[in-house]
Amino acid sequence: MSGVKYRVVEHDGGWAYLVNGTYSETFPSHDAAFGAARRAACKQMRPGETTGIVWEDATGHWHAELSRAGDRPRTEVIG
């Protein structure tokens, strides 16, 4: 199981959460950004449907695998 960290940071004159180098929209307060990060983190942990996925790695090779419904990452909100 992998892990995903949501980090609340100052951004663009307000607050946002940062995940894997990507910023969320900007919120007017730290509390608003923290709440949005918690909601996103909780949603990401919910099981979905088992489905096949195809992805390309950094070397250009394609991979096909089964993504199981219950294989969800651990999430953490920091900030």
Protein backbone atom coordinates (compact mmCIF):
# COMPACT_ATOMS: atom_id res chain seq x y z
CA MET A 1 0.00 0.00 0.00
CA SER A 2 1.38 3.37 -0.97
CA GLY A 3 1.05 6.66 0.87
CA VAL A 4 -0.09 10.10 -0.24
CA LYS A 5 0.61 13.28 1.75
CA TYR A 6 -1.55 16.38 1.50
CA ARG A 7 0.51 19.35 2.73
CA VAL A 8 -1.27 22.66 3.52
CA VAL A 9 0.85 25.61 2.34
CA GLU A 10 0.59 29.32 1.62
CA HIS A 11 -0.08 29.80 -2.09
CA ASP A 12 -1.12 32.58 -4.46
CA GLY A 13 -2.19 35.02 -1.74
CA GLY A 14 -4.06 32.41 0.29
CA TRP A 15 -3.77 28.76 1.25
CA ALA A 16 -3.80 25.53 -0.74
CA TYR A 17 -2.86 21.91 -0.32
CA LEU A 18 0.01 20.37 -2.23
CA VAL A 19 -0.01 16.73 -3.40
CA ASN A 20 2.88 15.24 -5.37
CA GLY A 21 3.97 18.69 -6.58
CA THR A 22 0.47 19.81 -7.63
CA TYR A 23 -1.42 22.63 -5.90
CA SER A 24 -5.14 22.62 -5.21
CA GLU A 25 -7.23 25.70 -5.80
CA THR A 26 -6.48 28.60 -3.45
CA PHE A 27 -8.55 28.97 -0.27
CA PRO A 28 -8.97 32.15 1.80
CA SER A 29 -7.84 30.55 5.08
CA HIS A 30 -5.64 27.79 6.44
CA ASP A 31 -8.69 26.11 7.99
CA ALA A 32 -10.54 26.06 4.66
CA ALA A 33 -7.54 24.52 2.86
CA PHE A 34 -7.03 21.99 5.66
CA GLY A 35 -10.69 20.96 5.51
CA ALA A 36 -10.55 20.57 1.74
CA ALA A 37 -7.38 18.47 2.05
CA ARG A 38 -9.05 16.22 4.64
CA ARG A 39 -12.09 15.71 2.39
CA ALA A 40 -9.86 14.88 -0.60
CA ALA A 41 -7.75 12.49 1.49
CA CYS A 42 -10.83 10.68 2.82
CA LYS A 43 -12.32 10.40 -0.67
CA GLN A 44 -9.10 8.92 -2.02
CA MET A 45 -9.18 6.12 0.57
CA ARG A 46 -12.68 4.95 -0.41
CA PRO A 47 -12.77 1.72 -2.38
CA GLY A 48 -13.84 1.99 -6.01
CA GLU A 49 -14.29 -0.70 -8.62
CA THR A 50 -11.79 -3.33 -9.70
CA THR A 51 -10.68 -2.37 -13.19
CA GLY A 52 -7.88 -2.91 -15.67
CA ILE A 53 -5.42 -0.05 -16.14
CA VAL A 54 -2.71 0.61 -18.73
CA TRP A 55 0.16 2.98 -18.01
CA GLU A 56 3.48 4.08 -19.52
CA ASP A 57 6.62 4.18 -17.39
CA ALA A 58 9.45 6.72 -17.58
CA THR A 59 11.31 4.61 -20.16
CA GLY A 60 8.36 4.48 -22.57
CA HIS A 61 7.27 0.91 -21.81
CA TRP A 62 3.57 0.19 -21.45
CA HIS A 63 2.19 -1.95 -18.63
CA ALA A 64 -1.24 -3.52 -18.11
CA GLU A 65 -2.40 -4.51 -14.65
CA LEU A 66 -5.47 -5.02 -12.52
CA SER A 67 -6.31 -2.26 -10.06
CA ARG A 68 -8.27 -3.83 -7.21
CA ALA A 69 -11.15 -1.90 -5.63
CA GLY A 70 -9.73 -2.16 -2.11
CA ASP A 71 -6.13 -1.27 -3.00
CA ARG A 72 -6.22 2.33 -1.79
CA PRO A 73 -3.31 4.45 -0.54
CA ARG A 74 -2.78 5.61 3.03
CA THR A 75 -3.34 9.33 3.21
CA GLU A 76 -2.05 11.98 5.60
CA VAL A 77 -2.85 15.69 5.92
CA ILE A 78 0.04 17.83 7.17
CA GLY A 79 -0.13 21.45 8.12
